[in-house]
Protein backbone atom coordinates (compact mmCIF):
# COMPACT_ATOMS: atom_id res chain seq x y z
CA UNK A 1 0.00 0.00 0.00
CA UNK A 2 2.18 2.76 -1.27
CA UNK A 3 -0.61 5.30 -1.76
CA UNK A 4 -1.13 6.11 1.92
CA UNK A 5 -1.85 9.69 2.81
CA UNK A 6 -0.89 11.41 6.05
CA UNK A 7 -3.55 11.52 8.77
CA UNK A 8 -5.91 14.46 8.59
CA UNK A 9 -8.37 15.24 11.39
CA UNK A 10 -12.07 14.77 10.75
CA UNK A 11 -13.53 17.94 9.19
CA UNK A 12 -16.29 19.79 10.99
CA UNK A 13 -18.26 20.79 7.89
CA UNK A 14 -20.90 18.22 6.83
CA UNK A 15 -19.93 18.33 3.17
CA UNK A 16 -16.25 17.87 4.00
CA UNK A 17 -17.18 15.02 6.36
CA UNK A 18 -19.07 13.23 3.55
CA UNK A 19 -16.05 13.54 1.27
CA UNK A 20 -13.79 12.36 4.12
CA UNK A 21 -16.03 9.34 4.79
CA UNK A 22 -16.34 8.50 1.09
CA UNK A 23 -12.56 8.53 0.67
CA UNK A 24 -12.15 6.13 3.60
CA UNK A 25 -14.80 3.74 2.26
CA UNK A 26 -13.15 3.82 -1.16
CA UNK A 27 -9.82 2.99 0.47
CA UNK A 28 -11.41 0.04 2.27
CA UNK A 29 -12.93 -1.15 -0.98
CA UNK A 30 -9.54 -1.05 -2.71
CA UNK A 31 -7.53 -2.74 0.02
CA UNK A 32 -9.77 -5.45 1.52
CA UNK A 33 -9.93 -8.86 -0.11
CA UNK A 34 -13.13 -10.69 -0.99
CA UNK A 35 -12.62 -13.16 1.86
CA UNK A 36 -12.39 -10.26 4.34
CA UNK A 37 -15.66 -8.81 3.02
CA UNK A 38 -17.27 -12.26 3.29
CA UNK A 39 -16.06 -12.61 6.89
CA UNK A 40 -17.49 -9.17 7.69
CA UNK A 41 -20.84 -10.11 6.12
CA UNK A 42 -21.04 -13.35 8.11
CA UNK A 43 -20.22 -11.42 11.30
CA UNK A 44 -23.00 -8.91 10.61
CA UNK A 45 -25.51 -11.71 10.00
CA UNK A 46 -24.46 -13.54 13.18
CA UNK A 47 -24.94 -10.36 15.19
CA UNK A 48 -28.19 -9.30 13.50
CA UNK A 49 -29.97 -12.65 13.86
CA UNK A 50 -30.22 -12.68 17.69
CA UNK A 51 -31.17 -9.02 17.67
CA UNK A 52 -33.99 -9.69 15.23
CA UNK A 53 -35.18 -12.84 17.02
CA UNK A 54 -34.79 -11.78 20.68
CA UNK A 55 -34.21 -8.09 21.26
CA UNK A 56 -36.77 -6.60 18.87
CA UNK A 57 -39.70 -8.72 20.15
CA UNK A 58 -38.65 -8.00 23.74
CA UNK A 59 -38.59 -4.27 23.05
CA UNK A 60 -41.97 -4.40 21.32
CA UNK A 61 -43.43 -6.41 24.19
CA UNK A 62 -42.06 -3.86 26.65
CA UNK A 63 -43.54 -0.97 24.69
CA UNK A 64 -46.95 -2.51 24.05
CA UNK A 65 -47.27 -4.29 27.36
CA UNK A 66 -49.60 -7.23 27.09
CA UNK A 67 -50.71 -8.82 23.85
CA UNK A 68 -54.11 -7.52 22.73
CA UNK A 69 -57.02 -9.98 23.10
CA UNK A 70 -57.69 -10.02 19.36
CA UNK A 71 -54.14 -11.19 18.61
CA UNK A 72 -54.37 -13.81 21.34
CA UNK A 73 -57.66 -15.12 19.88
CA UNK A 74 -56.19 -15.36 16.38
CA UNK A 75 -53.12 -17.17 17.67
CA UNK A 76 -55.30 -19.65 19.56
CA UNK A 77 -57.27 -20.37 16.40
CA UNK A 78 -54.08 -21.17 14.52
């Protein structure tokens, strides 16, 4: 990796920040191998699955409180 640039602090301006972020993502895209991207994707899926199956229903149950009687009746019919 001979095209490294010296560190520059994160800009305060939103437009400069978007350009700064885009440059860093482009650098990641150029320098990471396909197997590294695959490993990152598997890691994201492994982390997202328990959140989707456990945390989100728990949060919804906490917000809504008890299950409405209509939903309970439909579930009993199934």
